[in-house]
Amino acid sequence: MNSVFDLIRNLRIALGCIGELLNYLLRFVSVFLRSRTSLAARLSAGHVQAE
């Protein structure tokens, strides 16, 4: 029975890691889709999103 719980726990951890990777990938891609003006405004305002 412990092996089933370990499998579920490891699956949950793996899915969490995949979710984080997708989140970072989407943020990375969104930088290329934004206009230069928008990026410059964010940098000059010092409004860097930190989590």
C-alpha atoms as a PDB file:
ATOM      1  CA  MET A   1       0.000   0.000   0.000  1.00  0.00           C
ATOM      2  CA  ASN A   2       2.902   2.351   0.684  1.00  0.00           C
ATOM      3  CA  SER A   3       4.095   1.949  -2.879  1.00  0.00           C
ATOM      4  CA  VAL A   4       0.753   3.237  -4.189  1.00  0.00           C
ATOM      5  CA  PHE A   5       0.972   6.307  -1.947  1.00  0.00           C
ATOM      6  CA  ASP A   6       4.575   6.868  -3.011  1.00  0.00           C
ATOM      7  CA  LEU A   7       3.568   6.621  -6.655  1.00  0.00           C
ATOM      8  CA  ILE A   8       0.773   9.156  -6.209  1.00  0.00           C
ATOM      9  CA  ARG A   9       3.057  11.519  -4.273  1.00  0.00           C
ATOM     10  CA  ASN A  10       5.781  11.298  -6.923  1.00  0.00           C
ATOM     11  CA  LEU A  11       3.241  11.852  -9.690  1.00  0.00           C
ATOM     12  CA  ARG A  12       1.930  14.953  -7.923  1.00  0.00           C
ATOM     13  CA  ILE A  13       5.470  16.308  -7.552  1.00  0.00           C
ATOM     14  CA  ALA A  14       6.254  15.602 -11.213  1.00  0.00           C
ATOM     15  CA  LEU A  15       3.082  17.349 -12.377  1.00  0.00           C
ATOM     16  CA  GLY A  16       3.930  20.331 -10.192  1.00  0.00           C
ATOM     17  CA  CYS A  17       7.368  20.565 -11.793  1.00  0.00           C
ATOM     18  CA  ILE A  18       5.876  20.341 -15.277  1.00  0.00           C
ATOM     19  CA  GLY A  19       3.426  23.103 -14.376  1.00  0.00           C
ATOM     20  CA  GLU A  20       6.245  25.366 -13.187  1.00  0.00           C
ATOM     21  CA  LEU A  21       8.233  24.706 -16.346  1.00  0.00           C
ATOM     22  CA  LEU A  22       5.232  25.578 -18.517  1.00  0.00           C
ATOM     23  CA  ASN A  23       4.707  28.753 -16.522  1.00  0.00           C
ATOM     24  CA  TYR A  24       8.314  29.869 -17.067  1.00  0.00           C
ATOM     25  CA  LEU A  25       8.146  28.922 -20.734  1.00  0.00           C
ATOM     26  CA  LEU A  26       5.001  30.986 -21.262  1.00  0.00           C
ATOM     27  CA  ARG A  27       6.592  33.967 -19.529  1.00  0.00           C
ATOM     28  CA  PHE A  28       9.698  33.609 -21.696  1.00  0.00           C
ATOM     29  CA  VAL A  29       7.640  33.450 -24.907  1.00  0.00           C
ATOM     30  CA  SER A  30       5.454  36.388 -23.847  1.00  0.00           C
ATOM     31  CA  VAL A  31       8.529  38.642 -23.784  1.00  0.00           C
ATOM     32  CA  PHE A  32       8.982  38.078 -27.513  1.00  0.00           C
ATOM     33  CA  LEU A  33       5.348  38.853 -28.234  1.00  0.00           C
ATOM     34  CA  ARG A  34       5.319  42.188 -26.392  1.00  0.00           C
ATOM     35  CA  SER A  35       6.199  45.399 -28.109  1.00  0.00           C
ATOM     36  CA  ARG A  36       9.507  47.083 -27.368  1.00  0.00           C
ATOM     37  CA  THR A  37       7.633  50.135 -26.088  1.00  0.00           C
ATOM     38  CA  SER A  38       5.758  48.035 -23.554  1.00  0.00           C
ATOM     39  CA  LEU A  39       8.949  46.382 -22.336  1.00  0.00           C
ATOM     40  CA  ALA A  40      10.770  49.718 -22.095  1.00  0.00           C
ATOM     41  CA  ALA A  41       7.921  51.192 -20.068  1.00  0.00           C
ATOM     42  CA  ARG A  42       8.004  48.279 -17.633  1.00  0.00           C
ATOM     43  CA  LEU A  43      11.758  48.562 -17.203  1.00  0.00           C
ATOM     44  CA  SER A  44      11.770  52.341 -16.768  1.00  0.00           C
ATOM     45  CA  ALA A  45       8.980  52.153 -14.200  1.00  0.00           C
ATOM     46  CA  GLY A  46      10.841  49.476 -12.270  1.00  0.00           C
ATOM     47  CA  HIS A  47       7.745  47.352 -12.330  1.00  0.00           C
ATOM     48  CA  VAL A  48       9.349  43.921 -12.449  1.00  0.00           C
ATOM     49  CA  GLN A  49       6.998  41.139 -11.509  1.00  0.00           C
ATOM     50  CA  ALA A  50       8.539  38.965  -8.812  1.00  0.00           C
ATOM     51  CA  GLU A  51       7.002  35.822  -7.403  1.00  0.00           C
END
